[in-house]
Structure formats: C-alpha cells, structure tokens
Amino acid sequence: MALKLNLNFNFTRTLSVLRHMGSSSSGEWGTGAGKGGGTGGAVREAGGSFGRMEAAREEQYFRKLQQKQINELKIHLDEEIEHHKKVIRQHQKEIERHKERIEELEKKHGD
C-alpha cells in the first residue's frame, strides 16, 4: 500500500498572499499599512526599515515553506512510483503463473 501523505499544497493561494502582504500605496513592501483593510501589525504599520525587514522575513518564511512543501511532494511522488512499480511486478508474476497453468491444462487435456 502506498504511503498516503496529507499534504496541503495550495501554492496559488500562498503566492497570492505573498503578493498582497505588505503592499502599500507606495508599492514597497513594509512601508506602511496597505489597502487590505487590516494594518498588518504595529511594525508594518510604522513602516521604515523595521517594516521592510519584517516584510522580507515574511517573504523568506513563505519561500522556505513552499520549498519544503515541494520537497515533500517530490518524496511522496517517488514513493508512489515505487509502489506502482512493485504492483506491476506482482501482476507480471501472476500473469506468468496463469500462463503456465494454461499450458499445463492444455498438455493434460490435449487441446
């Protein structure tokens, strides 16, 4: 049985969140509250170098999270491939066994 991982991959949503996080009227991340209806926190609201630094940290966090998810997906897919190869080998053995059984029956009954 294949290893089933409950991986929540919603890259589109993550990228959308990244695109909208920290944007402000000036367009530079971390420079102010932005237009999303929320302030984004005291540091982001204040803007300046601390706001930009926090925005960069958030961007780095989401990039690392996305890379981790991609790596986990690759591992999961490799495991799925190996599982299917194993099932194929088992089916091939069963096909050969059935063919041999048919040959034995034909020899025995002279068909």
PDB file of N, CA and C in Angstrom:
ATOM      1  N   MET A   1       0.854  -1.177   0.000  1.00  0.00           N
ATOM      2  CA  MET A   1       0.000   0.000   0.000  1.00  0.00           C
ATOM      3  C   MET A   1       0.892   1.229   0.000  1.00  0.00           C
ATOM      4  N   ALA A   2       0.499   2.167  -0.804  1.00  0.00           N
ATOM      5  CA  ALA A   2       1.300   3.385  -0.929  1.00  0.00           C
ATOM      6  C   ALA A   2       1.165   4.236   0.319  1.00  0.00           C
ATOM      7  N   LEU A   3       2.228   4.907   0.621  1.00  0.00           N
ATOM      8  CA  LEU A   3       2.226   5.833   1.738  1.00  0.00           C
ATOM      9  C   LEU A   3       1.379   7.032   1.358  1.00  0.00           C
ATOM     10  N   LYS A   4       0.375   7.321   2.153  1.00  0.00           N
ATOM     11  CA  LYS A   4      -0.508   8.449   1.876  1.00  0.00           C
ATOM     12  C   LYS A   4      -0.136   9.592   2.802  1.00  0.00           C
ATOM     13  N   LEU A   5       0.243  10.702   2.228  1.00  0.00           N
ATOM     14  CA  LEU A   5       0.583  11.878   2.998  1.00  0.00           C
ATOM     15  C   LEU A   5      -0.516  12.908   2.811  1.00  0.00           C
ATOM     16  N   ASN A   6      -0.905  13.497   3.891  1.00  0.00           N
ATOM     17  CA  ASN A   6      -1.896  14.548   3.812  1.00  0.00           C
ATOM     18  C   ASN A   6      -1.158  15.870   3.654  1.00  0.00           C
ATOM     19  N   LEU A   7      -0.846  16.181   2.406  1.00  0.00           N
ATOM     20  CA  LEU A   7      -0.076  17.382   2.125  1.00  0.00           C
ATOM     21  C   LEU A   7      -1.012  18.435   1.564  1.00  0.00           C
ATOM     22  N   ASN A   8      -1.016  19.572   2.200  1.00  0.00           N
ATOM     23  CA  ASN A   8      -1.882  20.653   1.760  1.00  0.00           C
ATOM     24  C   ASN A   8      -1.060  21.594   0.896  1.00  0.00           C
ATOM     25  N   PHE A   9      -1.132  21.399  -0.422  1.00  0.00           N
ATOM     26  CA  PHE A   9      -0.373  22.223  -1.350  1.00  0.00           C
ATOM     27  C   PHE A   9      -1.325  23.201  -2.016  1.00  0.00           C
ATOM     28  N   ASN A  10      -1.258  24.414  -1.590  1.00  0.00           N
ATOM     29  CA  ASN A  10      -2.069  25.445  -2.203  1.00  0.00           C
ATOM     30  C   ASN A  10      -1.138  26.580  -2.580  1.00  0.00           C
ATOM     31  N   PHE A  11      -0.293  26.315  -3.581  1.00  0.00           N
ATOM     32  CA  PHE A  11       0.737  27.263  -3.963  1.00  0.00           C
ATOM     33  C   PHE A  11       0.133  28.554  -4.493  1.00  0.00           C
ATOM     34  N   THR A  12      -0.970  28.445  -5.235  1.00  0.00           N
ATOM     35  CA  THR A  12      -1.577  29.642  -5.793  1.00  0.00           C
ATOM     36  C   THR A  12      -1.991  30.587  -4.689  1.00  0.00           C
ATOM     37  N   ARG A  13      -2.610  30.040  -3.652  1.00  0.00           N
ATOM     38  CA  ARG A  13      -3.053  30.870  -2.531  1.00  0.00           C
ATOM     39  C   ARG A  13      -1.848  31.475  -1.813  1.00  0.00           C
ATOM     40  N   THR A  14      -0.799  30.662  -1.615  1.00  0.00           N
ATOM     41  CA  THR A  14       0.402  31.160  -0.945  1.00  0.00           C
ATOM     42  C   THR A  14       1.020  32.305  -1.738  1.00  0.00           C
ATOM     43  N   LEU A  15       1.108  32.137  -3.057  1.00  0.00           N
ATOM     44  CA  LEU A  15       1.683  33.195  -3.878  1.00  0.00           C
ATOM     45  C   LEU A  15       0.812  34.437  -3.852  1.00  0.00           C
ATOM     46  N   SER A  16      -0.498  34.237  -3.837  1.00  0.00           N
ATOM     47  CA  SER A  16      -1.414  35.371  -3.766  1.00  0.00           C
ATOM     48  C   SER A  16      -1.233  36.127  -2.457  1.00  0.00           C
ATOM     49  N   VAL A  17      -1.095  35.379  -1.367  1.00  0.00           N
ATOM     50  CA  VAL A  17      -0.878  36.001  -0.064  1.00  0.00           C
ATOM     51  C   VAL A  17       0.426  36.778  -0.073  1.00  0.00           C
ATOM     52  N   LEU A  18       1.465  36.188  -0.632  1.00  0.00           N
ATOM     53  CA  LEU A  18       2.760  36.874  -0.682  1.00  0.00           C
ATOM     54  C   LEU A  18       2.671  38.162  -1.498  1.00  0.00           C
ATOM     55  N   ARG A  19       1.941  38.088  -2.585  1.00  0.00           N
ATOM     56  CA  ARG A  19       1.837  39.250  -3.458  1.00  0.00           C
ATOM     57  C   ARG A  19       1.137  40.411  -2.763  1.00  0.00           C
ATOM     58  N   HIS A  20       0.156  40.089  -1.914  1.00  0.00           N
ATOM     59  CA  HIS A  20      -0.624  41.135  -1.279  1.00  0.00           C
ATOM     60  C   HIS A  20      -0.108  41.542   0.105  1.00  0.00           C
ATOM     61  N   MET A  21       0.765  40.751   0.680  1.00  0.00           N
ATOM     62  CA  MET A  21       1.264  41.081   2.009  1.00  0.00           C
ATOM     63  C   MET A  21       2.190  42.287   1.938  1.00  0.00           C
ATOM     64  N   GLY A  22       1.925  43.229   2.754  1.00  0.00           N
ATOM     65  CA  GLY A  22       2.850  44.346   2.900  1.00  0.00           C
ATOM     66  C   GLY A  22       2.805  45.357   1.789  1.00  0.00           C
ATOM     67  N   SER A  23       1.921  45.161   0.827  1.00  0.00           N
ATOM     68  CA  SER A  23       1.893  46.185  -0.213  1.00  0.00           C
ATOM     69  C   SER A  23       1.238  47.437   0.332  1.00  0.00           C
ATOM     70  N   SER A  24       1.736  48.519  -0.043  1.00  0.00           N
ATOM     71  CA  SER A  24       1.194  49.789   0.428  1.00  0.00           C
ATOM     72  C   SER A  24       0.928  50.677  -0.769  1.00  0.00           C
ATOM     73  N   SER A  25       0.495  51.855  -0.494  1.00  0.00           N
ATOM     74  CA  SER A  25       0.195  52.778  -1.586  1.00  0.00           C
ATOM     75  C   SER A  25       1.446  53.105  -2.384  1.00  0.00           C
ATOM     76  N   SER A  26       2.615  53.039  -1.760  1.00  0.00           N
ATOM     77  CA  SER A  26       3.845  53.336  -2.480  1.00  0.00           C
ATOM     78  C   SER A  26       4.356  52.124  -3.235  1.00  0.00           C
ATOM     79  N   GLY A  27       3.822  50.929  -2.939  1.00  0.00           N
ATOM     80  CA  GLY A  27       4.215  49.730  -3.661  1.00  0.00           C
ATOM     81  C   GLY A  27       5.408  49.005  -3.068  1.00  0.00           C
ATOM     82  N   GLU A  28       6.049  49.559  -2.075  1.00  0.00           N
ATOM     83  CA  GLU A  28       7.204  48.914  -1.474  1.00  0.00           C
ATOM     84  C   GLU A  28       6.761  48.146  -0.235  1.00  0.00           C
ATOM     85  N   TRP A  29       7.210  46.914  -0.127  1.00  0.00           N
ATOM     86  CA  TRP A  29       6.808  46.069   0.995  1.00  0.00           C
ATOM     87  C   TRP A  29       7.296  46.660   2.312  1.00  0.00           C
ATOM     88  N   GLY A  30       6.409  46.621   3.320  1.00  0.00           N
ATOM     89  CA  GLY A  30       6.789  47.023   4.654  1.00  0.00           C
ATOM     90  C   GLY A  30       6.850  48.507   4.888  1.00  0.00           C
ATOM     91  N   THR A  31       6.347  49.290   3.923  1.00  0.00           N
ATOM     92  CA  THR A  31       6.448  50.732   4.088  1.00  0.00           C
ATOM     93  C   THR A  31       5.235  51.346   4.756  1.00  0.00           C
ATOM     94  N   GLY A  32       4.208  50.561   5.022  1.00  0.00           N
ATOM     95  CA  GLY A  32       3.020  51.113   5.660  1.00  0.00           C
ATOM     96  C   GLY A  32       1.910  50.098   5.739  1.00  0.00           C
ATOM     97  N   ALA A  33       0.718  50.559   6.115  1.00  0.00           N
ATOM     98  CA  ALA A  33      -0.391  49.674   6.410  1.00  0.00           C
ATOM     99  C   ALA A  33      -0.936  48.971   5.189  1.00  0.00           C
ATOM    100  N   GLY A  34      -0.993  49.556   4.056  1.00  0.00           N
ATOM    101  CA  GLY A  34      -1.531  48.925   2.877  1.00  0.00           C
ATOM    102  C   GLY A  34      -3.025  49.124   2.740  1.00  0.00           C
ATOM    103  N   LYS A  35      -3.627  48.510   1.709  1.00  0.00           N
ATOM    104  CA  LYS A  35      -5.022  48.743   1.385  1.00  0.00           C
ATOM    105  C   LYS A  35      -5.908  47.550   1.695  1.00  0.00           C
ATOM    106  N   GLY A  36      -5.417  46.516   2.325  1.00  0.00           N
ATOM    107  CA  GLY A  36      -6.170  45.286   2.521  1.00  0.00           C
ATOM    108  C   GLY A  36      -7.223  45.352   3.602  1.00  0.00           C
ATOM    109  N   GLY A  37      -7.405  46.443   4.268  1.00  0.00           N
ATOM    110  CA  GLY A  37      -8.393  46.563   5.315  1.00  0.00           C
ATOM    111  C   GLY A  37      -7.809  46.343   6.695  1.00  0.00           C
ATOM    112  N   GLY A  38      -6.675  45.678   6.787  1.00  0.00           N
ATOM    113  CA  GLY A  38      -6.007  45.465   8.065  1.00  0.00           C
ATOM    114  C   GLY A  38      -4.717  46.237   8.104  1.00  0.00           C
ATOM    115  N   THR A  39      -4.185  46.381   9.279  1.00  0.00           N
ATOM    116  CA  THR A  39      -2.966  47.174   9.405  1.00  0.00           C
ATOM    117  C   THR A  39      -1.717  46.354   9.182  1.00  0.00           C
ATOM    118  N   GLY A  40      -1.812  45.035   9.358  1.00  0.00           N
ATOM    119  CA  GLY A  40      -0.632  44.216   9.176  1.00  0.00           C
ATOM    120  C   GLY A  40       0.270  44.196  10.390  1.00  0.00           C
ATOM    121  N   GLY A  41      -0.142  44.798  11.483  1.00  0.00           N
ATOM    122  CA  GLY A  41       0.656  44.796  12.696  1.00  0.00           C
ATOM    123  C   GLY A  41       1.358  46.118  12.914  1.00  0.00           C
ATOM    124  N   ALA A  42       1.816  46.318  14.138  1.00  0.00           N
ATOM    125  CA  ALA A  42       2.411  47.599  14.521  1.00  0.00           C
ATOM    126  C   ALA A  42       3.687  47.891  13.749  1.00  0.00           C
ATOM    127  N   VAL A  43       4.514  46.878  13.557  1.00  0.00           N
ATOM    128  CA  VAL A  43       5.791  47.096  12.877  1.00  0.00           C
ATOM    129  C   VAL A  43       5.549  47.463  11.424  1.00  0.00           C
ATOM    130  N   ARG A  44       4.646  46.732  10.766  1.00  0.00           N
ATOM    131  CA  ARG A  44       4.370  47.023   9.362  1.00  0.00           C
ATOM    132  C   ARG A  44       3.676  48.370   9.215  1.00  0.00           C
ATOM    133  N   GLU A  45       2.814  48.697  10.161  1.00  0.00           N
ATOM    134  CA  GLU A  45       2.088  49.964  10.092  1.00  0.00           C
ATOM    135  C   GLU A  45       3.044  51.144  10.219  1.00  0.00           C
ATOM    136  N   ALA A  46       4.040  50.983  11.076  1.00  0.00           N
ATOM    137  CA  ALA A  46       5.001  52.055  11.291  1.00  0.00           C
ATOM    138  C   ALA A  46       5.862  52.283  10.061  1.00  0.00           C
ATOM    139  N   GLY A  47       6.104  51.206   9.301  1.00  0.00           N
ATOM    140  CA  GLY A  47       6.901  51.334   8.086  1.00  0.00           C
ATOM    141  C   GLY A  47       8.365  51.480   8.412  1.00  0.00           C
ATOM    142  N   GLY A  48       9.103  52.085   7.531  1.00  0.00           N
ATOM    143  CA  GLY A  48      10.529  52.282   7.735  1.00  0.00           C
ATOM    144  C   GLY A  48      11.305  51.000   7.563  1.00  0.00           C
ATOM    145  N   SER A  49      12.539  51.007   8.050  1.00  0.00           N
ATOM    146  CA  SER A  49      13.423  49.866   7.847  1.00  0.00           C
ATOM    147  C   SER A  49      12.933  48.635   8.594  1.00  0.00           C
ATOM    148  N   PHE A  50      12.319  48.826   9.774  1.00  0.00           N
ATOM    149  CA  PHE A  50      11.806  47.665  10.501  1.00  0.00           C
ATOM    150  C   PHE A  50      10.656  47.020   9.735  1.00  0.00           C
ATOM    151  N   GLY A  51       9.799  47.819   9.142  1.00  0.00           N
ATOM    152  CA  GLY A  51       8.693  47.293   8.350  1.00  0.00           C
ATOM    153  C   GLY A  51       9.183  46.525   7.138  1.00  0.00           C
ATOM    154  N   ARG A  52      10.171  47.068   6.450  1.00  0.00           N
ATOM    155  CA  ARG A  52      10.743  46.382   5.286  1.00  0.00           C
ATOM    156  C   ARG A  52      11.432  45.100   5.708  1.00  0.00           C
ATOM    157  N   MET A  53      12.136  45.141   6.845  1.00  0.00           N
ATOM    158  CA  MET A  53      12.823  43.950   7.336  1.00  0.00           C
ATOM    159  C   MET A  53      11.803  42.856   7.675  1.00  0.00           C
ATOM    160  N   GLU A  54      10.713  43.232   8.322  1.00  0.00           N
ATOM    161  CA  GLU A  54       9.676  42.259   8.674  1.00  0.00           C
ATOM    162  C   GLU A  54       9.035  41.675   7.415  1.00  0.00           C
ATOM    163  N   ALA A  55       8.797  42.513   6.429  1.00  0.00           N
ATOM    164  CA  ALA A  55       8.232  42.038   5.168  1.00  0.00           C
ATOM    165  C   ALA A  55       9.182  41.046   4.503  1.00  0.00           C
ATOM    166  N   ALA A  56      10.472  41.324   4.540  1.00  0.00           N
ATOM    167  CA  ALA A  56      11.460  40.418   3.954  1.00  0.00           C
ATOM    168  C   ALA A  56      11.491  39.091   4.695  1.00  0.00           C
ATOM    169  N   ARG A  57      11.380  39.146   6.013  1.00  0.00           N
ATOM    170  CA  ARG A  57      11.356  37.905   6.807  1.00  0.00           C
ATOM    171  C   ARG A  57      10.124  37.070   6.471  1.00  0.00           C
ATOM    172  N   GLU A  58       8.993  37.749   6.322  1.00  0.00           N
ATOM    173  CA  GLU A  58       7.768  37.022   5.977  1.00  0.00           C
ATOM    174  C   GLU A  58       7.899  36.374   4.605  1.00  0.00           C
ATOM    175  N   GLU A  59       8.452  37.117   3.660  1.00  0.00           N
ATOM    176  CA  GLU A  59       8.641  36.573   2.318  1.00  0.00           C
ATOM    177  C   GLU A  59       9.577  35.366   2.360  1.00  0.00           C
ATOM    178  N   GLN A  60      10.650  35.462   3.126  1.00  0.00           N
ATOM    179  CA  GLN A  60      11.601  34.365   3.259  1.00  0.00           C
ATOM    180  C   GLN A  60      10.930  33.153   3.898  1.00  0.00           C
ATOM    181  N   TYR A  61      10.102  33.371   4.909  1.00  0.00           N
ATOM    182  CA  TYR A  61       9.394  32.278   5.568  1.00  0.00           C
ATOM    183  C   TYR A  61       8.517  31.522   4.571  1.00  0.00           C
ATOM    184  N   PHE A  62       7.750  32.262   3.783  1.00  0.00           N
ATOM    185  CA  PHE A  62       6.853  31.608   2.842  1.00  0.00           C
ATOM    186  C   PHE A  62       7.613  30.921   1.716  1.00  0.00           C
ATOM    187  N   ARG A  63       8.740  31.486   1.308  1.00  0.00           N
ATOM    188  CA  ARG A  63       9.565  30.822   0.297  1.00  0.00           C
ATOM    189  C   ARG A  63      10.104  29.497   0.826  1.00  0.00           C
ATOM    190  N   LYS A  64      10.579  29.499   2.074  1.00  0.00           N
ATOM    191  CA  LYS A  64      11.083  28.269   2.686  1.00  0.00           C
ATOM    192  C   LYS A  64       9.963  27.251   2.863  1.00  0.00           C
ATOM    193  N   LEU A  65       8.793  27.710   3.275  1.00  0.00           N
ATOM    194  CA  LEU A  65       7.646  26.823   3.440  1.00  0.00           C
ATOM    195  C   LEU A  65       7.264  26.188   2.106  1.00  0.00           C
ATOM    196  N   GLN A  66       7.232  26.981   1.059  1.00  0.00           N
ATOM    197  CA  GLN A  66       6.893  26.462  -0.256  1.00  0.00           C
ATOM    198  C   GLN A  66       7.938  25.444  -0.714  1.00  0.00           C
ATOM    199  N   GLN A  67       9.216  25.721  -0.505  1.00  0.00           N
ATOM    200  CA  GLN A  67      10.271  24.788  -0.905  1.00  0.00           C
ATOM    201  C   GLN A  67      10.146  23.483  -0.131  1.00  0.00           C
ATOM    202  N   LYS A  68       9.823  23.565   1.151  1.00  0.00           N
ATOM    203  CA  LYS A  68       9.636  22.361   1.962  1.00  0.00           C
ATOM    204  C   LYS A  68       8.469  21.542   1.411  1.00  0.00           C
ATOM    205  N   GLN A  69       7.382  22.203   1.047  1.00  0.00           N
ATOM    206  CA  GLN A  69       6.223  21.500   0.503  1.00  0.00           C
ATOM    207  C   GLN A  69       6.564  20.838  -0.825  1.00  0.00           C
ATOM    208  N   ILE A  70       7.323  21.519  -1.656  1.00  0.00           N
ATOM    209  CA  ILE A  70       7.733  20.941  -2.939  1.00  0.00           C
ATOM    210  C   ILE A  70       8.599  19.710  -2.705  1.00  0.00           C
ATOM    211  N   ASN A  71       9.537  19.787  -1.770  1.00  0.00           N
ATOM    212  CA  ASN A  71      10.392  18.637  -1.463  1.00  0.00           C
ATOM    213  C   ASN A  71       9.578  17.463  -0.941  1.00  0.00           C
ATOM    214  N   GLU A  72       8.608  17.733  -0.070  1.00  0.00           N
ATOM    215  CA  GLU A  72       7.753  16.667   0.448  1.00  0.00           C
ATOM    216  C   GLU A  72       6.915  16.049  -0.658  1.00  0.00           C
ATOM    217  N   LEU A  73       6.459  16.859  -1.591  1.00  0.00           N
ATOM    218  CA  LEU A  73       5.683  16.349  -2.722  1.00  0.00           C
ATOM    219  C   LEU A  73       6.544  15.439  -3.594  1.00  0.00           C
ATOM    220  N   LYS A  74       7.793  15.850  -3.844  1.00  0.00           N
ATOM    221  CA  LYS A  74       8.697  15.018  -4.642  1.00  0.00           C
ATOM    222  C   LYS A  74       8.932  13.670  -3.968  1.00  0.00           C
ATOM    223  N   ILE A  75       9.158  13.676  -2.667  1.00  0.00           N
ATOM    224  CA  ILE A  75       9.368  12.428  -1.930  1.00  0.00           C
ATOM    225  C   ILE A  75       8.128  11.546  -2.028  1.00  0.00           C
ATOM    226  N   HIS A  76       6.967  12.165  -1.829  1.00  0.00           N
ATOM    227  CA  HIS A  76       5.706  11.418  -1.897  1.00  0.00           C
ATOM    228  C   HIS A  76       5.515  10.799  -3.291  1.00  0.00           C
ATOM    229  N   LEU A  77       5.789  11.557  -4.332  1.00  0.00           N
ATOM    230  CA  LEU A  77       5.616  11.036  -5.685  1.00  0.00           C
ATOM    231  C   LEU A  77       6.610   9.919  -5.984  1.00  0.00           C
ATOM    232  N   ASP A  78       7.844  10.035  -5.498  1.00  0.00           N
ATOM    233  CA  ASP A  78       8.818   8.955  -5.665  1.00  0.00           C
ATOM    234  C   ASP A  78       8.328   7.681  -4.984  1.00  0.00           C
ATOM    235  N   GLU A  79       7.756   7.814  -3.787  1.00  0.00           N
ATOM    236  CA  GLU A  79       7.222   6.652  -3.085  1.00  0.00           C
ATOM    237  C   GLU A  79       6.049   6.046  -3.842  1.00  0.00           C
ATOM    238  N   GLU A  80       5.211   6.878  -4.421  1.00  0.00           N
ATOM    239  CA  GLU A  80       4.079   6.396  -5.219  1.00  0.00           C
ATOM    240  C   GLU A  80       4.577   5.630  -6.444  1.00  0.00           C
ATOM    241  N   ILE A  81       5.603   6.158  -7.101  1.00  0.00           N
ATOM    242  CA  ILE A  81       6.173   5.485  -8.277  1.00  0.00           C
ATOM    243  C   ILE A  81       6.703   4.117  -7.890  1.00  0.00           C
ATOM    244  N   GLU A  82       7.451   4.043  -6.803  1.00  0.00           N
ATOM    245  CA  GLU A  82       7.994   2.755  -6.360  1.00  0.00           C
ATOM    246  C   GLU A  82       6.880   1.772  -6.022  1.00  0.00           C
ATOM    247  N   HIS A  83       5.831   2.255  -5.396  1.00  0.00           N
ATOM    248  CA  HIS A  83       4.698   1.387  -5.065  1.00  0.00           C
ATOM    249  C   HIS A  83       4.080   0.816  -6.344  1.00  0.00           C
ATOM    250  N   HIS A  84       3.865   1.655  -7.336  1.00  0.00           N
ATOM    251  CA  HIS A  84       3.242   1.196  -8.573  1.00  0.00           C
ATOM    252  C   HIS A  84       4.150   0.232  -9.332  1.00  0.00           C
ATOM    253  N   LYS A  85       5.461   0.460  -9.303  1.00  0.00           N
ATOM    254  CA  LYS A  85       6.397  -0.479  -9.924  1.00  0.00           C
ATOM    255  C   LYS A  85       6.310  -1.844  -9.250  1.00  0.00           C
ATOM    256  N   LYS A  86       6.201  -1.848  -7.926  1.00  0.00           N
ATOM    257  CA  LYS A  86       6.083  -3.102  -7.186  1.00  0.00           C
ATOM    258  C   LYS A  86       4.794  -3.832  -7.570  1.00  0.00           C
ATOM    259  N   VAL A  87       3.709  -3.105  -7.676  1.00  0.00           N
ATOM    260  CA  VAL A  87       2.427  -3.711  -8.054  1.00  0.00           C
ATOM    261  C   VAL A  87       2.514  -4.275  -9.471  1.00  0.00           C
ATOM    262  N   ILE A  88       3.178  -3.560 -10.373  1.00  0.00           N
ATOM    263  CA  ILE A  88       3.356  -4.044 -11.747  1.00  0.00           C
ATOM    264  C   ILE A  88       4.126  -5.357 -11.742  1.00  0.00           C
ATOM    265  N   ARG A  89       5.211  -5.441 -10.971  1.00  0.00           N
ATOM    266  CA  ARG A  89       5.992  -6.685 -10.898  1.00  0.00           C
ATOM    267  C   ARG A  89       5.142  -7.828 -10.368  1.00  0.00           C
ATOM    268  N   GLN A  90       4.318  -7.554  -9.355  1.00  0.00           N
ATOM    269  CA  GLN A  90       3.443  -8.590  -8.813  1.00  0.00           C
ATOM    270  C   GLN A  90       2.448  -9.068  -9.863  1.00  0.00           C
ATOM    271  N   HIS A  91       1.884  -8.151 -10.615  1.00  0.00           N
ATOM    272  CA  HIS A  91       0.923  -8.526 -11.653  1.00  0.00           C
ATOM    273  C   HIS A  91       1.602  -9.321 -12.768  1.00  0.00           C
ATOM    274  N   GLN A  92       2.818  -8.947 -13.132  1.00  0.00           N
ATOM    275  CA  GLN A  92       3.543  -9.683 -14.158  1.00  0.00           C
ATOM    276  C   GLN A  92       3.816 -11.120 -13.713  1.00  0.00           C
ATOM    277  N   LYS A  93       4.164 -11.308 -12.442  1.00  0.00           N
ATOM    278  CA  LYS A  93       4.371 -12.658 -11.915  1.00  0.00           C
ATOM    279  C   LYS A  93       3.080 -13.472 -11.968  1.00  0.00           C
ATOM    280  N   GLU A  94       1.973 -12.833 -11.632  1.00  0.00           N
ATOM    281  CA  GLU A  94       0.683 -13.524 -11.673  1.00  0.00           C
ATOM    282  C   GLU A  94       0.294 -13.889 -13.101  1.00  0.00           C
ATOM    283  N   ILE A  95       0.571 -13.014 -14.055  1.00  0.00           N
ATOM    284  CA  ILE A  95       0.291 -13.314 -15.462  1.00  0.00           C
ATOM    285  C   ILE A  95       1.085 -14.529 -15.902  1.00  0.00           C
ATOM    286  N   GLU A  96       2.370 -14.556 -15.559  1.00  0.00           N
ATOM    287  CA  GLU A  96       3.208 -15.707 -15.921  1.00  0.00           C
ATOM    288  C   GLU A  96       2.692 -16.992 -15.266  1.00  0.00           C
ATOM    289  N   ARG A  97       2.292 -16.896 -14.017  1.00  0.00           N
ATOM    290  CA  ARG A  97       1.764 -18.074 -13.323  1.00  0.00           C
ATOM    291  C   ARG A  97       0.509 -18.590 -14.018  1.00  0.00           C
ATOM    292  N   HIS A  98      -0.373 -17.696 -14.428  1.00  0.00           N
ATOM    293  CA  HIS A  98      -1.600 -18.106 -15.114  1.00  0.00           C
ATOM    294  C   HIS A  98      -1.294 -18.710 -16.483  1.00  0.00           C
ATOM    295  N   LYS A  99      -0.331 -18.133 -17.197  1.00  0.00           N
ATOM    296  CA  LYS A  99       0.063 -18.690 -18.494  1.00  0.00           C
ATOM    297  C   LYS A  99       0.599 -20.117 -18.334  1.00  0.00           C
ATOM    298  N   GLU A 100       1.432 -20.317 -17.312  1.00  0.00           N
ATOM    299  CA  GLU A 100       1.969 -21.658 -17.056  1.00  0.00           C
ATOM    300  C   GLU A 100       0.858 -22.644 -16.725  1.00  0.00           C
ATOM    301  N   ARG A 101      -0.100 -22.187 -15.969  1.00  0.00           N
ATOM    302  CA  ARG A 101      -1.242 -23.052 -15.606  1.00  0.00           C
ATOM    303  C   ARG A 101      -2.052 -23.426 -16.845  1.00  0.00           C
ATOM    304  N   ILE A 102      -2.244 -22.454 -17.764  1.00  0.00           N
ATOM    305  CA  ILE A 102      -2.959 -22.742 -19.011  1.00  0.00           C
ATOM    306  C   ILE A 102      -2.208 -23.773 -19.830  1.00  0.00           C
ATOM    307  N   GLU A 103      -0.869 -23.620 -19.928  1.00  0.00           N
ATOM    308  CA  GLU A 103      -0.049 -24.583 -20.673  1.00  0.00           C
ATOM    309  C   GLU A 103      -0.164 -25.981 -20.065  1.00  0.00           C
ATOM    310  N   GLU A 104      -0.148 -26.077 -18.737  1.00  0.00           N
ATOM    311  CA  GLU A 104      -0.286 -27.371 -18.066  1.00  0.00           C
ATOM    312  C   GLU A 104      -1.637 -28.007 -18.374  1.00  0.00           C
ATOM    313  N   LEU A 105      -2.674 -27.198 -18.339  1.00  0.00           N
ATOM    314  CA  LEU A 105      -4.026 -27.720 -18.636  1.00  0.00           C
ATOM    315  C   LEU A 105      -4.128 -28.164 -20.095  1.00  0.00           C
ATOM    316  N   GLU A 106      -3.524 -27.417 -21.026  1.00  0.00           N
ATOM    317  CA  GLU A 106      -3.567 -27.817 -22.438  1.00  0.00           C
ATOM    318  C   GLU A 106      -2.814 -29.108 -22.673  1.00  0.00           C
ATOM    319  N   LYS A 107      -1.660 -29.271 -22.023  1.00  0.00           N
ATOM    320  CA  LYS A 107      -0.896 -30.509 -22.153  1.00  0.00           C
ATOM    321  C   LYS A 107      -1.668 -31.683 -21.561  1.00  0.00           C
ATOM    322  N   LYS A 108      -2.298 -31.445 -20.437  1.00  0.00           N
ATOM    323  CA  LYS A 108      -3.017 -32.505 -19.738  1.00  0.00           C
ATOM    324  C   LYS A 108      -4.249 -32.949 -20.518  1.00  0.00           C
ATOM    325  N   HIS A 109      -4.952 -32.028 -21.130  1.00  0.00           N
ATOM    326  CA  HIS A 109      -6.214 -32.347 -21.804  1.00  0.00           C
ATOM    327  C   HIS A 109      -6.052 -32.415 -23.329  1.00  0.00           C
ATOM    328  N   GLY A 110      -4.903 -32.141 -23.847  1.00  0.00           N
ATOM    329  CA  GLY A 110      -4.615 -32.269 -25.271  1.00  0.00           C
ATOM    330  C   GLY A 110      -5.346 -31.308 -26.169  1.00  0.00           C
ATOM    331  N   ASP A 111      -5.664 -30.158 -25.711  1.00  0.00           N
ATOM    332  CA  ASP A 111      -6.384 -29.189 -26.548  1.00  0.00           C
ATOM    333  C   ASP A 111      -5.489 -28.535 -27.516  1.00  0.00           C
TER     334      ASP A 111
END
